[in-house]
N, C-alpha and C. Protein backbone atom coordinates (compact mmCIF):
# COMPACT_ATOMS: atom_id res chain seq x y z
N GLY A 1 -1.84 54.16 56.22
CA GLY A 1 -3.13 54.54 55.69
C GLY A 1 -3.31 56.03 55.56
N TYR A 2 -2.23 56.80 55.54
CA TYR A 2 -2.34 58.26 55.46
C TYR A 2 -1.12 58.82 54.73
N GLY A 3 -1.14 60.12 54.46
CA GLY A 3 -0.01 60.76 53.76
C GLY A 3 -0.17 60.67 52.26
N PHE A 4 0.97 60.67 51.56
CA PHE A 4 0.98 60.63 50.10
C PHE A 4 1.62 59.35 49.60
N GLY A 5 0.98 58.72 48.64
CA GLY A 5 1.57 57.57 47.97
C GLY A 5 2.54 58.00 46.89
N ASP A 6 2.38 59.24 46.42
CA ASP A 6 3.27 59.80 45.40
C ASP A 6 3.36 61.30 45.67
N LEU A 7 4.50 61.74 46.19
CA LEU A 7 4.66 63.15 46.55
C LEU A 7 4.64 64.06 45.33
N GLU A 8 5.33 63.64 44.26
CA GLU A 8 5.43 64.50 43.08
C GLU A 8 4.06 64.76 42.46
N LYS A 9 3.22 63.75 42.41
CA LYS A 9 1.89 63.88 41.82
C LYS A 9 0.82 64.21 42.86
N GLU A 10 1.24 64.31 44.12
CA GLU A 10 0.33 64.62 45.24
C GLU A 10 -0.86 63.67 45.26
N VAL A 11 -0.55 62.38 45.13
CA VAL A 11 -1.58 61.34 45.21
C VAL A 11 -1.71 60.91 46.67
N ALA A 12 -2.85 61.20 47.26
CA ALA A 12 -3.07 60.87 48.67
C ALA A 12 -3.23 59.36 48.85
N VAL A 13 -2.80 58.88 50.01
CA VAL A 13 -2.97 57.46 50.34
C VAL A 13 -4.43 57.17 50.60
N ASP A 14 -4.92 56.08 50.01
CA ASP A 14 -6.24 55.53 50.31
C ASP A 14 -6.00 54.21 51.02
N PRO A 15 -6.37 54.07 52.30
CA PRO A 15 -6.03 52.85 53.06
C PRO A 15 -6.60 51.57 52.48
N GLY A 16 -7.63 51.69 51.65
CA GLY A 16 -8.19 50.50 51.03
C GLY A 16 -7.65 50.22 49.65
N VAL A 17 -6.88 51.14 49.10
CA VAL A 17 -6.42 51.02 47.72
C VAL A 17 -4.90 51.07 47.59
N THR A 18 -4.25 51.99 48.28
CA THR A 18 -2.80 52.20 48.13
C THR A 18 -2.02 51.00 48.65
N VAL A 19 -1.14 50.49 47.81
CA VAL A 19 -0.35 49.29 48.12
C VAL A 19 1.03 49.70 48.61
N PHE A 20 1.45 49.13 49.73
CA PHE A 20 2.77 49.39 50.31
C PHE A 20 3.58 48.11 50.38
N ARG A 21 4.88 48.22 50.19
CA ARG A 21 5.80 47.16 50.57
C ARG A 21 5.97 47.24 52.09
N ILE A 22 5.70 46.14 52.78
CA ILE A 22 5.73 46.21 54.24
C ILE A 22 6.99 45.58 54.84
N GLY A 23 7.96 45.25 53.98
CA GLY A 23 9.24 44.77 54.49
C GLY A 23 9.11 43.51 55.34
N SER A 24 9.82 43.49 56.43
CA SER A 24 9.91 42.27 57.24
C SER A 24 8.63 41.92 57.99
N VAL A 25 7.65 42.81 58.00
CA VAL A 25 6.35 42.43 58.55
C VAL A 25 5.78 41.25 57.75
N ALA A 26 6.26 41.08 56.52
CA ALA A 26 5.86 39.94 55.69
C ALA A 26 6.19 38.61 56.36
N LYS A 27 7.18 38.60 57.24
CA LYS A 27 7.55 37.35 57.92
C LYS A 27 6.39 36.76 58.71
N LEU A 28 5.47 37.60 59.16
CA LEU A 28 4.31 37.10 59.90
C LEU A 28 3.46 36.20 59.01
N PHE A 29 3.38 36.51 57.74
CA PHE A 29 2.60 35.69 56.81
C PHE A 29 3.32 34.38 56.51
N THR A 30 4.64 34.43 56.42
CA THR A 30 5.42 33.21 56.22
C THR A 30 5.25 32.28 57.41
N ALA A 31 5.32 32.84 58.61
CA ALA A 31 5.14 32.03 59.81
C ALA A 31 3.73 31.45 59.88
N THR A 32 2.74 32.25 59.50
CA THR A 32 1.36 31.77 59.51
C THR A 32 1.18 30.62 58.53
N ALA A 33 1.76 30.76 57.33
CA ALA A 33 1.68 29.69 56.34
C ALA A 33 2.32 28.41 56.86
N ALA A 34 3.51 28.54 57.46
CA ALA A 34 4.19 27.37 58.01
C ALA A 34 3.36 26.71 59.10
N MET A 35 2.77 27.52 59.98
CA MET A 35 1.99 26.96 61.08
C MET A 35 0.69 26.33 60.61
N GLN A 36 0.13 26.79 59.50
CA GLN A 36 -1.02 26.11 58.94
C GLN A 36 -0.66 24.67 58.57
N LEU A 37 0.51 24.50 57.98
CA LEU A 37 0.95 23.16 57.58
C LEU A 37 1.33 22.32 58.79
N VAL A 38 1.82 22.97 59.84
CA VAL A 38 2.06 22.26 61.10
C VAL A 38 0.74 21.74 61.66
N GLU A 39 -0.27 22.59 61.69
CA GLU A 39 -1.57 22.20 62.21
C GLU A 39 -2.21 21.10 61.37
N ASP A 40 -1.90 21.09 60.06
CA ASP A 40 -2.43 20.05 59.18
C ASP A 40 -1.64 18.74 59.26
N GLY A 41 -0.56 18.74 60.05
CA GLY A 41 0.25 17.54 60.20
C GLY A 41 1.22 17.30 59.06
N ARG A 42 1.44 18.29 58.22
CA ARG A 42 2.32 18.12 57.06
C ARG A 42 3.75 18.58 57.34
N ILE A 43 3.92 19.37 58.40
CA ILE A 43 5.26 19.77 58.87
C ILE A 43 5.33 19.47 60.35
N ASP A 44 6.43 18.86 60.76
CA ASP A 44 6.70 18.61 62.18
C ASP A 44 7.51 19.79 62.70
N LEU A 45 6.96 20.50 63.64
CA LEU A 45 7.58 21.73 64.15
C LEU A 45 8.95 21.48 64.75
N HIS A 46 9.18 20.28 65.25
CA HIS A 46 10.42 20.00 65.98
C HIS A 46 11.30 18.95 65.30
N ALA A 47 11.04 18.69 64.01
CA ALA A 47 11.86 17.75 63.26
C ALA A 47 12.94 18.47 62.47
N ASP A 48 13.98 17.77 62.12
CA ASP A 48 15.06 18.30 61.28
C ASP A 48 14.47 18.77 59.94
N VAL A 49 14.64 20.05 59.60
CA VAL A 49 14.04 20.56 58.37
C VAL A 49 14.71 20.01 57.12
N ASN A 50 15.86 19.37 57.26
CA ASN A 50 16.52 18.80 56.08
C ASN A 50 15.62 17.79 55.38
N GLN A 51 14.71 17.17 56.11
CA GLN A 51 13.83 16.19 55.48
C GLN A 51 12.85 16.83 54.50
N TYR A 52 12.67 18.15 54.58
CA TYR A 52 11.75 18.85 53.68
C TYR A 52 12.46 19.54 52.52
N LEU A 53 13.78 19.66 52.59
CA LEU A 53 14.53 20.38 51.57
C LEU A 53 14.79 19.50 50.35
N ARG A 54 14.76 20.10 49.18
CA ARG A 54 14.95 19.37 47.93
C ARG A 54 16.19 19.92 47.21
N GLY A 55 17.18 19.06 46.99
CA GLY A 55 18.35 19.45 46.21
C GLY A 55 19.48 20.09 47.00
N PHE A 56 19.26 20.38 48.26
CA PHE A 56 20.33 20.90 49.11
C PHE A 56 19.99 20.60 50.56
N GLN A 57 20.98 20.72 51.43
CA GLN A 57 20.80 20.43 52.85
C GLN A 57 21.50 21.48 53.69
N ILE A 58 21.04 21.66 54.91
CA ILE A 58 21.74 22.49 55.88
C ILE A 58 22.90 21.67 56.42
N PRO A 59 24.13 22.18 56.39
CA PRO A 59 25.29 21.40 56.87
C PRO A 59 25.13 20.99 58.33
N ASP A 60 25.67 19.82 58.67
CA ASP A 60 25.56 19.31 60.05
C ASP A 60 26.70 19.84 60.91
N THR A 61 26.84 21.17 60.94
CA THR A 61 27.92 21.81 61.70
C THR A 61 27.82 21.51 63.19
N TYR A 62 26.62 21.41 63.69
CA TYR A 62 26.38 21.12 65.10
C TYR A 62 25.57 19.82 65.20
N PRO A 63 25.70 19.11 66.30
CA PRO A 63 24.96 17.85 66.44
C PRO A 63 23.44 18.03 66.40
N LYS A 64 22.96 19.13 66.95
CA LYS A 64 21.51 19.35 67.02
C LYS A 64 21.01 19.91 65.69
N PRO A 65 19.95 19.34 65.10
CA PRO A 65 19.45 19.81 63.80
C PRO A 65 18.65 21.10 63.92
N VAL A 66 18.51 21.79 62.81
CA VAL A 66 17.66 22.98 62.72
C VAL A 66 16.23 22.52 62.45
N THR A 67 15.28 23.05 63.21
CA THR A 67 13.87 22.69 63.07
C THR A 67 13.06 23.89 62.59
N MET A 68 11.81 23.64 62.23
CA MET A 68 10.94 24.75 61.85
C MET A 68 10.75 25.70 63.03
N ALA A 69 10.67 25.17 64.23
CA ALA A 69 10.55 26.02 65.41
C ALA A 69 11.73 26.98 65.51
N HIS A 70 12.93 26.50 65.19
CA HIS A 70 14.10 27.37 65.20
C HIS A 70 14.00 28.45 64.12
N LEU A 71 13.59 28.06 62.92
CA LEU A 71 13.49 29.04 61.84
C LEU A 71 12.51 30.14 62.18
N LEU A 72 11.37 29.78 62.74
CA LEU A 72 10.32 30.77 63.02
C LEU A 72 10.63 31.66 64.21
N THR A 73 11.56 31.24 65.05
CA THR A 73 11.92 32.05 66.23
C THR A 73 13.32 32.65 66.11
N HIS A 74 13.90 32.60 64.92
CA HIS A 74 15.23 33.19 64.66
C HIS A 74 16.29 32.61 65.60
N THR A 75 16.19 31.31 65.86
CA THR A 75 17.19 30.65 66.70
C THR A 75 17.88 29.51 65.95
N GLY A 76 17.93 29.61 64.62
CA GLY A 76 18.58 28.57 63.83
C GLY A 76 20.09 28.56 63.93
N GLY A 77 20.67 29.67 64.39
CA GLY A 77 22.12 29.74 64.55
C GLY A 77 22.87 30.15 63.31
N PHE A 78 22.18 30.73 62.31
CA PHE A 78 22.84 31.15 61.08
C PHE A 78 23.50 32.51 61.24
N ASP A 79 24.61 32.68 60.54
CA ASP A 79 25.18 34.01 60.36
C ASP A 79 24.21 34.80 59.48
N GLU A 80 24.29 36.12 59.51
CA GLU A 80 23.38 36.96 58.71
C GLU A 80 24.17 37.77 57.71
N LYS A 81 23.64 37.89 56.49
CA LYS A 81 24.29 38.70 55.48
C LYS A 81 23.21 39.33 54.60
N LEU A 82 23.53 40.48 54.03
CA LEU A 82 22.60 41.18 53.15
C LEU A 82 23.11 41.26 51.72
N LEU A 83 24.41 41.07 51.50
CA LEU A 83 24.94 41.14 50.14
C LEU A 83 24.28 40.09 49.26
N GLY A 84 23.80 40.53 48.11
CA GLY A 84 23.19 39.61 47.16
C GLY A 84 21.72 39.34 47.39
N THR A 85 21.12 40.01 48.38
CA THR A 85 19.72 39.73 48.68
C THR A 85 18.76 40.68 47.98
N PHE A 86 19.26 41.57 47.13
CA PHE A 86 18.38 42.48 46.40
C PHE A 86 18.74 42.48 44.92
N ALA A 87 17.75 42.81 44.10
CA ALA A 87 17.94 42.91 42.65
C ALA A 87 17.22 44.16 42.15
N ALA A 88 17.72 44.71 41.06
CA ALA A 88 17.15 45.95 40.53
C ALA A 88 15.90 45.72 39.70
N SER A 89 15.67 44.49 39.25
CA SER A 89 14.51 44.21 38.42
C SER A 89 14.08 42.76 38.61
N PRO A 90 12.83 42.42 38.31
CA PRO A 90 12.38 41.03 38.42
C PRO A 90 13.20 40.08 37.55
N GLU A 91 13.69 40.59 36.42
CA GLU A 91 14.48 39.75 35.51
C GLU A 91 15.81 39.32 36.13
N ASP A 92 16.29 40.08 37.10
CA ASP A 92 17.57 39.78 37.74
C ASP A 92 17.43 38.83 38.93
N LEU A 93 16.20 38.46 39.26
CA LEU A 93 15.96 37.63 40.44
C LEU A 93 16.40 36.18 40.19
N ARG A 94 17.02 35.60 41.21
CA ARG A 94 17.29 34.18 41.19
C ARG A 94 16.13 33.45 41.86
N PRO A 95 15.75 32.28 41.38
CA PRO A 95 14.68 31.52 42.02
C PRO A 95 15.02 31.22 43.48
N LEU A 96 13.99 31.07 44.31
CA LEU A 96 14.19 30.91 45.75
C LEU A 96 15.08 29.72 46.09
N ALA A 97 14.76 28.52 45.59
CA ALA A 97 15.51 27.33 45.99
C ALA A 97 16.99 27.41 45.59
N PRO A 98 17.33 27.75 44.34
CA PRO A 98 18.76 27.86 44.00
C PRO A 98 19.48 28.92 44.82
N TYR A 99 18.79 30.03 45.10
CA TYR A 99 19.43 31.07 45.91
C TYR A 99 19.76 30.52 47.30
N LEU A 100 18.79 29.86 47.94
CA LEU A 100 19.02 29.33 49.28
C LEU A 100 20.13 28.30 49.29
N ALA A 101 20.20 27.48 48.25
CA ALA A 101 21.25 26.46 48.17
C ALA A 101 22.63 27.09 47.99
N ASP A 102 22.71 28.09 47.12
CA ASP A 102 24.01 28.70 46.80
C ASP A 102 24.50 29.67 47.86
N GLU A 103 23.57 30.28 48.58
CA GLU A 103 23.94 31.34 49.52
C GLU A 103 23.73 30.95 50.98
N MET A 104 23.75 29.66 51.27
CA MET A 104 23.56 29.21 52.64
C MET A 104 24.61 29.84 53.56
N PRO A 105 24.18 30.62 54.57
CA PRO A 105 25.16 31.23 55.48
C PRO A 105 25.77 30.19 56.42
N ARG A 106 26.87 30.55 57.01
CA ARG A 106 27.51 29.66 57.98
C ARG A 106 26.62 29.47 59.20
N ARG A 107 26.69 28.30 59.78
CA ARG A 107 26.07 28.07 61.08
C ARG A 107 27.10 28.46 62.13
N VAL A 108 26.81 29.49 62.90
CA VAL A 108 27.80 30.03 63.84
C VAL A 108 27.41 29.81 65.30
N MET A 109 26.18 29.31 65.53
CA MET A 109 25.72 29.01 66.88
C MET A 109 24.85 27.76 66.83
N GLY A 110 24.86 27.02 67.91
CA GLY A 110 23.99 25.85 67.97
C GLY A 110 22.53 26.27 67.93
N PRO A 111 21.67 25.54 67.22
CA PRO A 111 20.26 25.92 67.13
C PRO A 111 19.59 25.91 68.50
N GLY A 112 18.76 26.93 68.70
CA GLY A 112 18.03 27.05 69.95
C GLY A 112 18.78 27.75 71.06
N GLU A 113 20.02 28.16 70.80
CA GLU A 113 20.84 28.76 71.86
C GLU A 113 20.68 30.26 71.95
N VAL A 114 20.65 30.96 70.81
CA VAL A 114 20.64 32.43 70.79
C VAL A 114 19.63 32.92 69.75
N THR A 115 18.89 33.95 70.10
CA THR A 115 18.01 34.59 69.12
C THR A 115 18.83 35.56 68.30
N SER A 116 18.90 35.32 66.99
CA SER A 116 19.68 36.16 66.08
C SER A 116 18.89 36.30 64.78
N TYR A 117 18.48 37.53 64.49
CA TYR A 117 17.60 37.80 63.35
C TYR A 117 18.14 37.17 62.07
N SER A 118 17.28 36.43 61.37
CA SER A 118 17.75 35.68 60.22
C SER A 118 16.77 35.76 59.05
N ASN A 119 17.10 36.57 58.06
CA ASN A 119 16.32 36.60 56.83
C ASN A 119 16.41 35.27 56.09
N HIS A 120 17.59 34.68 56.09
CA HIS A 120 17.77 33.42 55.40
C HIS A 120 16.93 32.32 56.05
N GLY A 121 16.89 32.32 57.37
CA GLY A 121 16.09 31.32 58.08
C GLY A 121 14.61 31.42 57.75
N MET A 122 14.10 32.64 57.67
CA MET A 122 12.69 32.79 57.35
C MET A 122 12.42 32.47 55.89
N ALA A 123 13.38 32.77 55.02
CA ALA A 123 13.23 32.38 53.62
C ALA A 123 13.22 30.86 53.49
N LEU A 124 14.03 30.17 54.30
CA LEU A 124 14.01 28.71 54.32
C LEU A 124 12.63 28.20 54.74
N ALA A 125 12.03 28.85 55.74
CA ALA A 125 10.69 28.45 56.17
C ALA A 125 9.70 28.59 55.01
N GLY A 126 9.82 29.69 54.25
CA GLY A 126 8.94 29.88 53.11
C GLY A 126 9.17 28.84 52.04
N TYR A 127 10.44 28.46 51.82
CA TYR A 127 10.72 27.43 50.83
C TYR A 127 10.16 26.08 51.26
N ILE A 128 10.22 25.79 52.55
CA ILE A 128 9.67 24.53 53.05
C ILE A 128 8.16 24.49 52.83
N VAL A 129 7.48 25.61 53.02
CA VAL A 129 6.06 25.68 52.69
C VAL A 129 5.85 25.30 51.23
N GLU A 130 6.68 25.87 50.37
CA GLU A 130 6.61 25.62 48.94
C GLU A 130 6.85 24.13 48.62
N ALA A 131 7.88 23.56 49.24
CA ALA A 131 8.24 22.17 48.96
C ALA A 131 7.17 21.20 49.45
N VAL A 132 6.60 21.48 50.61
CA VAL A 132 5.61 20.58 51.20
C VAL A 132 4.28 20.63 50.47
N CYS A 133 3.85 21.84 50.10
CA CYS A 133 2.53 21.97 49.49
C CYS A 133 2.56 21.76 47.98
N GLY A 134 3.74 21.79 47.37
CA GLY A 134 3.85 21.52 45.95
C GLY A 134 3.44 22.65 45.04
N LYS A 135 3.45 23.88 45.54
CA LYS A 135 3.16 25.04 44.71
C LYS A 135 4.04 26.20 45.16
N PRO A 136 4.27 27.20 44.31
CA PRO A 136 5.10 28.34 44.71
C PRO A 136 4.58 28.98 45.99
N PHE A 137 5.52 29.47 46.80
CA PHE A 137 5.16 30.08 48.08
C PHE A 137 4.10 31.15 47.91
N GLU A 138 4.29 32.05 46.94
CA GLU A 138 3.35 33.16 46.79
C GLU A 138 1.96 32.65 46.40
N ALA A 139 1.89 31.53 45.68
CA ALA A 139 0.60 30.95 45.31
C ALA A 139 -0.09 30.33 46.52
N TYR A 140 0.69 29.66 47.38
CA TYR A 140 0.10 29.08 48.59
C TYR A 140 -0.49 30.16 49.47
N VAL A 141 0.26 31.22 49.70
CA VAL A 141 -0.23 32.30 50.57
C VAL A 141 -1.48 32.95 49.97
N ALA A 142 -1.48 33.13 48.65
CA ALA A 142 -2.65 33.72 47.99
C ALA A 142 -3.88 32.83 48.17
N ASP A 143 -3.69 31.52 48.04
CA ASP A 143 -4.82 30.59 48.11
C ASP A 143 -5.30 30.35 49.54
N GLU A 144 -4.36 30.26 50.49
CA GLU A 144 -4.71 29.81 51.83
C GLU A 144 -4.80 30.92 52.87
N ILE A 145 -4.30 32.12 52.55
CA ILE A 145 -4.37 33.23 53.51
C ILE A 145 -5.10 34.41 52.90
N PHE A 146 -4.60 34.95 51.80
CA PHE A 146 -5.23 36.13 51.20
C PHE A 146 -6.67 35.85 50.77
N GLY A 147 -6.88 34.74 50.09
CA GLY A 147 -8.21 34.42 49.60
C GLY A 147 -9.24 34.27 50.71
N PRO A 148 -9.02 33.38 51.68
CA PRO A 148 -9.99 33.21 52.77
C PRO A 148 -10.24 34.48 53.57
N LEU A 149 -9.23 35.35 53.69
CA LEU A 149 -9.39 36.57 54.49
C LEU A 149 -9.92 37.75 53.67
N GLY A 150 -10.12 37.56 52.39
CA GLY A 150 -10.58 38.67 51.56
C GLY A 150 -9.54 39.74 51.35
N MET A 151 -8.27 39.34 51.39
CA MET A 151 -7.17 40.29 51.18
C MET A 151 -6.87 40.39 49.69
N ALA A 152 -7.78 41.02 48.98
CA ALA A 152 -7.73 41.04 47.51
C ALA A 152 -6.64 41.95 46.96
N ARG A 153 -6.07 42.80 47.80
CA ARG A 153 -5.05 43.74 47.32
C ARG A 153 -3.71 43.46 48.00
N SER A 154 -3.39 42.18 48.10
CA SER A 154 -2.13 41.75 48.72
C SER A 154 -1.46 40.71 47.83
N SER A 155 -0.12 40.77 47.74
CA SER A 155 0.59 39.83 46.89
C SER A 155 2.08 39.79 47.23
N PHE A 156 2.66 38.58 47.12
CA PHE A 156 4.10 38.40 47.20
C PHE A 156 4.74 38.40 45.82
N ALA A 157 3.94 38.53 44.77
CA ALA A 157 4.44 38.42 43.40
C ALA A 157 5.43 39.54 43.07
N GLN A 158 6.42 39.19 42.27
CA GLN A 158 7.41 40.14 41.77
C GLN A 158 7.56 39.94 40.26
N PRO A 159 7.14 40.88 39.42
CA PRO A 159 6.49 42.15 39.76
C PRO A 159 5.05 41.94 40.19
N LEU A 160 4.45 42.99 40.71
CA LEU A 160 3.05 42.92 41.11
C LEU A 160 2.14 42.80 39.91
N PRO A 161 0.94 42.22 40.10
CA PRO A 161 -0.06 42.26 39.03
C PRO A 161 -0.36 43.71 38.65
N PRO A 162 -0.67 43.98 37.40
CA PRO A 162 -0.94 45.36 36.96
C PRO A 162 -1.99 46.08 37.81
N SER A 163 -3.01 45.35 38.28
CA SER A 163 -4.08 45.99 39.06
C SER A 163 -3.56 46.55 40.38
N LEU A 164 -2.50 45.96 40.92
CA LEU A 164 -1.90 46.46 42.16
C LEU A 164 -0.76 47.43 41.87
N GLN A 165 -0.01 47.17 40.81
CA GLN A 165 1.13 48.01 40.47
C GLN A 165 0.73 49.46 40.26
N ALA A 166 -0.45 49.68 39.70
CA ALA A 166 -0.91 51.04 39.42
C ALA A 166 -1.12 51.86 40.68
N ASP A 167 -1.35 51.19 41.82
CA ASP A 167 -1.62 51.90 43.07
C ASP A 167 -0.50 51.72 44.09
N MET A 168 0.68 51.33 43.62
CA MET A 168 1.82 51.13 44.50
C MET A 168 2.36 52.46 45.01
N ALA A 169 2.53 52.58 46.32
CA ALA A 169 3.14 53.77 46.89
C ALA A 169 4.59 53.87 46.45
N GLN A 170 5.04 55.04 46.10
CA GLN A 170 6.42 55.24 45.68
C GLN A 170 7.35 55.21 46.89
N PRO A 171 8.55 54.62 46.73
CA PRO A 171 9.48 54.55 47.86
C PRO A 171 10.25 55.85 48.07
N TYR A 172 10.39 56.21 49.33
CA TYR A 172 11.19 57.40 49.70
C TYR A 172 12.14 56.98 50.83
N PRO A 173 13.21 56.26 50.49
CA PRO A 173 14.09 55.72 51.53
C PRO A 173 14.96 56.77 52.22
N ARG A 174 15.12 57.92 51.61
CA ARG A 174 15.99 58.95 52.19
C ARG A 174 15.21 60.25 52.35
N GLY A 175 14.35 60.29 53.35
CA GLY A 175 13.54 61.48 53.57
C GLY A 175 12.58 61.70 52.42
N LEU A 176 12.68 62.84 51.75
CA LEU A 176 11.78 63.16 50.65
C LEU A 176 12.39 62.84 49.29
N GLN A 177 13.53 62.13 49.29
CA GLN A 177 14.18 61.77 48.03
C GLN A 177 13.64 60.43 47.54
N ARG A 178 13.03 60.46 46.36
CA ARG A 178 12.42 59.26 45.81
C ARG A 178 13.49 58.24 45.44
N GLY A 179 13.23 56.97 45.76
CA GLY A 179 14.17 55.90 45.46
C GLY A 179 13.62 54.94 44.43
N GLU A 180 14.37 53.89 44.17
CA GLU A 180 13.99 52.88 43.20
C GLU A 180 13.30 51.71 43.90
N VAL A 181 12.36 51.10 43.21
CA VAL A 181 11.72 49.89 43.71
C VAL A 181 12.72 48.74 43.60
N MET A 182 12.91 48.00 44.69
CA MET A 182 13.85 46.90 44.71
C MET A 182 13.11 45.57 44.79
N TYR A 183 13.82 44.50 44.45
CA TYR A 183 13.27 43.15 44.46
C TYR A 183 14.23 42.24 45.21
N THR A 184 13.74 41.08 45.65
CA THR A 184 14.60 40.16 46.39
C THR A 184 14.27 38.72 46.07
N PRO A 185 15.30 37.85 46.00
CA PRO A 185 15.02 36.43 45.79
C PRO A 185 14.44 35.75 47.02
N ILE A 186 14.58 36.38 48.20
CA ILE A 186 14.07 35.77 49.43
C ILE A 186 12.74 36.42 49.81
N ALA A 187 11.77 36.35 48.89
CA ALA A 187 10.48 37.00 49.08
C ALA A 187 9.80 36.65 50.41
N PRO A 188 9.84 35.39 50.89
CA PRO A 188 9.16 35.09 52.16
C PRO A 188 9.68 35.89 53.35
N ALA A 189 10.88 36.43 53.23
CA ALA A 189 11.47 37.19 54.33
C ALA A 189 11.08 38.67 54.31
N GLY A 190 10.43 39.15 53.21
CA GLY A 190 10.11 40.57 53.25
C GLY A 190 9.60 41.20 51.98
N MET A 191 8.87 40.49 51.12
CA MET A 191 8.46 41.10 49.86
C MET A 191 6.94 41.08 49.68
N LEU A 192 6.21 41.30 50.75
CA LEU A 192 4.76 41.40 50.63
C LEU A 192 4.36 42.84 50.33
N SER A 193 3.43 42.99 49.39
CA SER A 193 2.81 44.28 49.09
C SER A 193 1.35 44.18 49.49
N THR A 194 0.86 45.18 50.23
CA THR A 194 -0.49 45.09 50.76
C THR A 194 -1.01 46.48 51.12
N THR A 195 -2.26 46.53 51.54
CA THR A 195 -2.88 47.80 51.95
C THR A 195 -3.15 47.80 53.45
N ALA A 196 -3.44 48.97 53.97
CA ALA A 196 -3.78 49.08 55.39
C ALA A 196 -5.03 48.27 55.72
N HIS A 197 -6.04 48.31 54.85
CA HIS A 197 -7.27 47.56 55.10
C HIS A 197 -7.03 46.06 55.10
N ASP A 198 -6.21 45.58 54.15
CA ASP A 198 -5.92 44.15 54.12
C ASP A 198 -5.15 43.72 55.37
N MET A 199 -4.23 44.54 55.83
CA MET A 199 -3.49 44.21 57.05
C MET A 199 -4.42 44.15 58.25
N ALA A 200 -5.43 44.99 58.26
CA ALA A 200 -6.40 44.95 59.35
C ALA A 200 -7.13 43.61 59.38
N ARG A 201 -7.45 43.07 58.22
CA ARG A 201 -8.10 41.75 58.16
C ARG A 201 -7.19 40.67 58.76
N PHE A 202 -5.91 40.73 58.42
CA PHE A 202 -4.95 39.77 58.94
C PHE A 202 -4.83 39.90 60.46
N LEU A 203 -4.77 41.13 60.93
CA LEU A 203 -4.67 41.38 62.37
C LEU A 203 -5.89 40.84 63.11
N ILE A 204 -7.06 41.09 62.58
CA ILE A 204 -8.29 40.66 63.24
C ILE A 204 -8.35 39.16 63.38
N VAL A 205 -7.98 38.42 62.34
CA VAL A 205 -8.08 36.96 62.41
C VAL A 205 -7.11 36.41 63.45
N HIS A 206 -5.94 37.04 63.62
CA HIS A 206 -5.03 36.59 64.67
C HIS A 206 -5.55 36.95 66.05
N LEU A 207 -6.15 38.10 66.20
CA LEU A 207 -6.72 38.49 67.50
C LEU A 207 -7.88 37.56 67.88
N GLU A 208 -8.50 36.98 66.87
CA GLU A 208 -9.60 36.04 67.12
C GLU A 208 -9.10 34.59 67.10
N HIS A 209 -7.76 34.42 67.20
CA HIS A 209 -7.14 33.09 67.28
C HIS A 209 -7.46 32.24 66.06
N GLY A 210 -7.50 32.89 64.90
CA GLY A 210 -7.71 32.16 63.66
C GLY A 210 -9.15 31.88 63.33
N GLY A 211 -10.08 32.39 64.13
CA GLY A 211 -11.49 32.10 63.90
C GLY A 211 -12.10 32.94 62.81
């Protein structure tokens, strides 16, 4: 909520207007979406997630199945990889389901045994939300989280709507050297754009236990 959204143009950050990519903090929204469906009885937190997948399955490398609880706690036992998880433009993006099917990482540990950070696992959780509710993940989050909380300047969309794109903070990944905006097929794992004020709304509702 402070500093410059654009150093070259000296555009100051406005915490209610300036939109930031928040990276893996987006996983909190994916987990919240999944838990909403758990509370509604549409996802079983401790059931084999293969029952929710369409067109592909997690290999039965180990006797114990991967559950939503495993995905949300990074204990699914997947290997982790970053190659192929970014694209230079929205046109280069692969749809979520085909990407997850084609790029399924190896299962290298039994589920529930070790905590190992997993972008793929969280993206799977986001896809299950999509499969269960029958609408794109970003649409579900917009309807069931952003809308009720009044988070009008938040979106998982790639590219962003023009109204948000105009106020997007420029990326500076290497100190003061401006970088390129990147995109990813695994949006549920880290492609939320939002403002400081919108994040405060999300924080408050969790501090109030969803009330």
